[in-house]
């Protein structure tokens, strides 16, 4: 199995500086790193997204991606620009969410833990998923509640 792709709020984003990423669907977490929370994502462009009912969604789930990252270990995670805290925690330990595209009414929906629904966090997620010029909504969902 290949290692999932990543974006973070640190300088190791997959998008070249100044270039708007393509609109994407995917999953995300806020993970502690160096005394602050950083957003970590795994995403797929709409062209590669999987149909799920009337939606397009990311083919990988939170558990699958997190476990692939955990197996890398803290040192390799850091080298790849990911927070080493991933290696020592379960995927449910940190606030998380998912971006889904609803074909009708042509809307991206960010399902997120309530702790991630602050304006500055939503703005960063919109940027990371290439949704700056896209219609989008933010919603809560029971699947995305942090255990701790």
C-alpha atoms as a PDB file:
ATOM      1  CA  UNK A   1       0.000   0.000   0.000  1.00  0.00           C
ATOM      2  CA  UNK A   2       1.335   3.434  -0.830  1.00  0.00           C
ATOM      3  CA  UNK A   3       1.637   6.115   1.792  1.00  0.00           C
ATOM      4  CA  UNK A   4      -1.185   8.669   1.649  1.00  0.00           C
ATOM      5  CA  UNK A   5      -0.322  12.158   0.417  1.00  0.00           C
ATOM      6  CA  UNK A   6      -0.185  15.086   2.780  1.00  0.00           C
ATOM      7  CA  UNK A   7      -0.610  18.795   3.187  1.00  0.00           C
ATOM      8  CA  UNK A   8      -0.013  20.699   6.382  1.00  0.00           C
ATOM      9  CA  UNK A   9      -0.131  24.321   7.399  1.00  0.00           C
ATOM     10  CA  UNK A  10       3.671  24.224   7.557  1.00  0.00           C
ATOM     11  CA  UNK A  11       5.836  24.919   4.471  1.00  0.00           C
ATOM     12  CA  UNK A  12       5.536  21.363   3.096  1.00  0.00           C
ATOM     13  CA  UNK A  13       2.264  21.820   1.221  1.00  0.00           C
ATOM     14  CA  UNK A  14       1.883  19.806  -2.005  1.00  0.00           C
ATOM     15  CA  UNK A  15       0.890  22.961  -3.895  1.00  0.00           C
ATOM     16  CA  UNK A  16       3.596  25.246  -5.277  1.00  0.00           C
ATOM     17  CA  UNK A  17       3.708  28.652  -3.527  1.00  0.00           C
ATOM     18  CA  UNK A  18       1.200  31.090  -4.979  1.00  0.00           C
ATOM     19  CA  UNK A  19      -0.669  28.407  -6.927  1.00  0.00           C
ATOM     20  CA  UNK A  20      -4.267  27.650  -6.004  1.00  0.00           C
ATOM     21  CA  UNK A  21      -4.710  23.887  -5.467  1.00  0.00           C
ATOM     22  CA  UNK A  22      -7.379  22.102  -7.508  1.00  0.00           C
ATOM     23  CA  UNK A  23     -10.698  21.646  -5.681  1.00  0.00           C
ATOM     24  CA  UNK A  24     -10.433  18.435  -3.674  1.00  0.00           C
ATOM     25  CA  UNK A  25     -12.239  16.133  -1.292  1.00  0.00           C
ATOM     26  CA  UNK A  26     -10.519  14.396   1.581  1.00  0.00           C
ATOM     27  CA  UNK A  27      -9.896  14.012   5.272  1.00  0.00           C
ATOM     28  CA  UNK A  28      -8.103  16.149   7.830  1.00  0.00           C
ATOM     29  CA  UNK A  29      -6.980  16.460  11.440  1.00  0.00           C
ATOM     30  CA  UNK A  30      -5.666  19.187  13.725  1.00  0.00           C
ATOM     31  CA  UNK A  31      -2.557  17.689  15.359  1.00  0.00           C
ATOM     32  CA  UNK A  32      -0.239  19.298  17.938  1.00  0.00           C
ATOM     33  CA  UNK A  33       3.232  20.185  16.693  1.00  0.00           C
ATOM     34  CA  UNK A  34       5.812  22.458  18.324  1.00  0.00           C
ATOM     35  CA  UNK A  35       3.276  23.984  20.714  1.00  0.00           C
ATOM     36  CA  UNK A  36       0.550  24.689  18.159  1.00  0.00           C
ATOM     37  CA  UNK A  37      -2.108  22.783  16.245  1.00  0.00           C
ATOM     38  CA  UNK A  38      -1.421  22.161  12.548  1.00  0.00           C
ATOM     39  CA  UNK A  39      -3.846  20.901   9.939  1.00  0.00           C
ATOM     40  CA  UNK A  40      -2.847  17.653   8.270  1.00  0.00           C
ATOM     41  CA  UNK A  41      -4.769  16.474   5.207  1.00  0.00           C
ATOM     42  CA  UNK A  42      -5.062  13.595   2.767  1.00  0.00           C
ATOM     43  CA  UNK A  43      -7.003  14.595  -0.331  1.00  0.00           C
ATOM     44  CA  UNK A  44      -8.099  13.658  -3.835  1.00  0.00           C
ATOM     45  CA  UNK A  45      -9.065  15.874  -6.776  1.00  0.00           C
ATOM     46  CA  UNK A  46     -12.652  15.628  -7.973  1.00  0.00           C
ATOM     47  CA  UNK A  47     -11.471  13.817 -11.111  1.00  0.00           C
ATOM     48  CA  UNK A  48     -10.083  11.012  -8.899  1.00  0.00           C
ATOM     49  CA  UNK A  49     -12.834  11.043  -6.243  1.00  0.00           C
ATOM     50  CA  UNK A  50     -15.159   8.082  -5.720  1.00  0.00           C
ATOM     51  CA  UNK A  51     -18.926   8.307  -6.153  1.00  0.00           C
ATOM     52  CA  UNK A  52     -20.935   7.684  -2.981  1.00  0.00           C
ATOM     53  CA  UNK A  53     -24.630   8.165  -3.632  1.00  0.00           C
ATOM     54  CA  UNK A  54     -25.058  11.696  -4.979  1.00  0.00           C
ATOM     55  CA  UNK A  55     -21.642  12.705  -3.624  1.00  0.00           C
ATOM     56  CA  UNK A  56     -18.001  12.464  -4.597  1.00  0.00           C
ATOM     57  CA  UNK A  57     -15.748  11.448  -1.733  1.00  0.00           C
ATOM     58  CA  UNK A  58     -12.177  10.592  -0.846  1.00  0.00           C
ATOM     59  CA  UNK A  59     -11.368   6.887  -1.298  1.00  0.00           C
ATOM     60  CA  UNK A  60      -9.402   6.542   1.957  1.00  0.00           C
ATOM     61  CA  UNK A  61     -10.706   6.697   5.509  1.00  0.00           C
ATOM     62  CA  UNK A  62      -9.300   8.251   8.671  1.00  0.00           C
ATOM     63  CA  UNK A  63      -8.229   4.948  10.229  1.00  0.00           C
ATOM     64  CA  UNK A  64      -6.485   3.700   7.068  1.00  0.00           C
ATOM     65  CA  UNK A  65      -4.516   6.911   6.497  1.00  0.00           C
ATOM     66  CA  UNK A  66      -3.599   7.394  10.148  1.00  0.00           C
ATOM     67  CA  UNK A  67      -2.294   3.834  10.513  1.00  0.00           C
ATOM     68  CA  UNK A  68      -0.175   4.213   7.357  1.00  0.00           C
ATOM     69  CA  UNK A  69       1.333   7.376   8.829  1.00  0.00           C
ATOM     70  CA  UNK A  70       1.846   5.798  12.274  1.00  0.00           C
ATOM     71  CA  UNK A  71       3.823   2.930  10.755  1.00  0.00           C
ATOM     72  CA  UNK A  72       6.332   5.468   9.437  1.00  0.00           C
ATOM     73  CA  UNK A  73       7.463   6.363  12.962  1.00  0.00           C
ATOM     74  CA  UNK A  74       8.143   9.797  14.441  1.00  0.00           C
ATOM     75  CA  UNK A  75      11.454  10.414  12.644  1.00  0.00           C
ATOM     76  CA  UNK A  76      10.106   9.689   9.161  1.00  0.00           C
ATOM     77  CA  UNK A  77       6.921  11.637   9.891  1.00  0.00           C
ATOM     78  CA  UNK A  78       9.006  14.703  10.791  1.00  0.00           C
ATOM     79  CA  UNK A  79      11.138  14.304   7.631  1.00  0.00           C
ATOM     80  CA  UNK A  80       7.929  14.287   5.582  1.00  0.00           C
ATOM     81  CA  UNK A  81       6.665  17.428   7.291  1.00  0.00           C
ATOM     82  CA  UNK A  82       4.097  15.616   9.427  1.00  0.00           C
ATOM     83  CA  UNK A  83       3.759  16.048  13.193  1.00  0.00           C
ATOM     84  CA  UNK A  84       5.552  13.220  15.027  1.00  0.00           C
ATOM     85  CA  UNK A  85       2.634  13.148  17.518  1.00  0.00           C
ATOM     86  CA  UNK A  86       0.833  10.989  14.942  1.00  0.00           C
ATOM     87  CA  UNK A  87       3.099   8.045  15.806  1.00  0.00           C
ATOM     88  CA  UNK A  88       1.995   7.918  19.441  1.00  0.00           C
ATOM     89  CA  UNK A  89      -1.768   8.400  19.198  1.00  0.00           C
ATOM     90  CA  UNK A  90      -4.893   6.791  17.774  1.00  0.00           C
ATOM     91  CA  UNK A  91      -6.642   8.532  14.879  1.00  0.00           C
ATOM     92  CA  UNK A  92      -9.549   9.538  17.133  1.00  0.00           C
ATOM     93  CA  UNK A  93      -7.298  11.421  19.579  1.00  0.00           C
ATOM     94  CA  UNK A  94      -7.360  14.725  17.677  1.00  0.00           C
ATOM     95  CA  UNK A  95     -10.143  16.800  16.092  1.00  0.00           C
ATOM     96  CA  UNK A  96     -10.834  15.654  12.540  1.00  0.00           C
ATOM     97  CA  UNK A  97     -13.198  15.947   9.610  1.00  0.00           C
ATOM     98  CA  UNK A  98     -13.900  15.265   5.954  1.00  0.00           C
ATOM     99  CA  UNK A  99     -14.627  17.295   2.811  1.00  0.00           C
ATOM    100  CA  UNK A 100     -17.273  15.823   0.478  1.00  0.00           C
ATOM    101  CA  UNK A 101     -18.608  17.178  -2.820  1.00  0.00           C
ATOM    102  CA  UNK A 102     -22.382  17.036  -3.264  1.00  0.00           C
ATOM    103  CA  UNK A 103     -23.143  16.916  -6.993  1.00  0.00           C
ATOM    104  CA  UNK A 104     -26.604  18.316  -6.411  1.00  0.00           C
ATOM    105  CA  UNK A 105     -26.559  21.218  -5.478  1.00  0.00           C
ATOM    106  CA  UNK A 106     -22.839  21.444  -6.539  1.00  0.00           C
ATOM    107  CA  UNK A 107     -21.609  22.128  -3.015  1.00  0.00           C
ATOM    108  CA  UNK A 108     -18.507  21.164  -1.040  1.00  0.00           C
ATOM    109  CA  UNK A 109     -19.376  20.231   2.544  1.00  0.00           C
ATOM    110  CA  UNK A 110     -16.789  20.309   5.326  1.00  0.00           C
ATOM    111  CA  UNK A 111     -17.870  17.945   8.088  1.00  0.00           C
ATOM    112  CA  UNK A 112     -15.767  18.823  11.106  1.00  0.00           C
ATOM    113  CA  UNK A 113     -15.397  18.449  14.833  1.00  0.00           C
ATOM    114  CA  UNK A 114     -16.896  21.579  16.408  1.00  0.00           C
ATOM    115  CA  UNK A 115     -13.431  22.567  17.658  1.00  0.00           C
ATOM    116  CA  UNK A 116     -12.370  22.992  14.016  1.00  0.00           C
ATOM    117  CA  UNK A 117     -15.294  25.200  13.040  1.00  0.00           C
ATOM    118  CA  UNK A 118     -13.578  28.470  13.985  1.00  0.00           C
ATOM    119  CA  UNK A 119     -13.292  31.011  11.169  1.00  0.00           C
ATOM    120  CA  UNK A 120      -9.479  30.875  10.933  1.00  0.00           C
ATOM    121  CA  UNK A 121      -9.455  27.058  10.811  1.00  0.00           C
ATOM    122  CA  UNK A 122     -12.233  26.867   8.224  1.00  0.00           C
ATOM    123  CA  UNK A 123     -10.424  29.482   6.105  1.00  0.00           C
ATOM    124  CA  UNK A 124      -7.239  27.388   6.175  1.00  0.00           C
ATOM    125  CA  UNK A 125      -9.160  24.215   5.267  1.00  0.00           C
ATOM    126  CA  UNK A 126     -10.819  26.053   2.371  1.00  0.00           C
ATOM    127  CA  UNK A 127      -7.349  27.054   1.141  1.00  0.00           C
ATOM    128  CA  UNK A 128      -5.810  23.580   1.587  1.00  0.00           C
ATOM    129  CA  UNK A 129      -8.666  21.874  -0.278  1.00  0.00           C
ATOM    130  CA  UNK A 130      -8.723  24.465  -3.099  1.00  0.00           C
ATOM    131  CA  UNK A 131     -12.219  25.697  -2.271  1.00  0.00           C
ATOM    132  CA  UNK A 132     -11.535  29.446  -2.276  1.00  0.00           C
ATOM    133  CA  UNK A 133     -13.705  29.993  -5.344  1.00  0.00           C
ATOM    134  CA  UNK A 134     -16.142  27.155  -4.616  1.00  0.00           C
ATOM    135  CA  UNK A 135     -19.501  27.088  -2.836  1.00  0.00           C
ATOM    136  CA  UNK A 136     -19.056  25.331   0.483  1.00  0.00           C
ATOM    137  CA  UNK A 137     -20.798  24.718   3.792  1.00  0.00           C
ATOM    138  CA  UNK A 138     -19.538  23.648   7.221  1.00  0.00           C
ATOM    139  CA  UNK A 139     -21.457  21.058   9.216  1.00  0.00           C
ATOM    140  CA  UNK A 140     -21.087  18.938  12.332  1.00  0.00           C
ATOM    141  CA  UNK A 141     -21.364  15.161  12.252  1.00  0.00           C
ATOM    142  CA  UNK A 142     -21.316  12.553  15.027  1.00  0.00           C
ATOM    143  CA  UNK A 143     -18.456  10.735  13.249  1.00  0.00           C
ATOM    144  CA  UNK A 144     -16.126  13.668  13.804  1.00  0.00           C
ATOM    145  CA  UNK A 145     -16.154  14.119  17.557  1.00  0.00           C
ATOM    146  CA  UNK A 146     -12.876  13.789  19.411  1.00  0.00           C
ATOM    147  CA  UNK A 147     -12.873  11.200  22.186  1.00  0.00           C
ATOM    148  CA  UNK A 148     -10.630  13.137  24.576  1.00  0.00           C
END
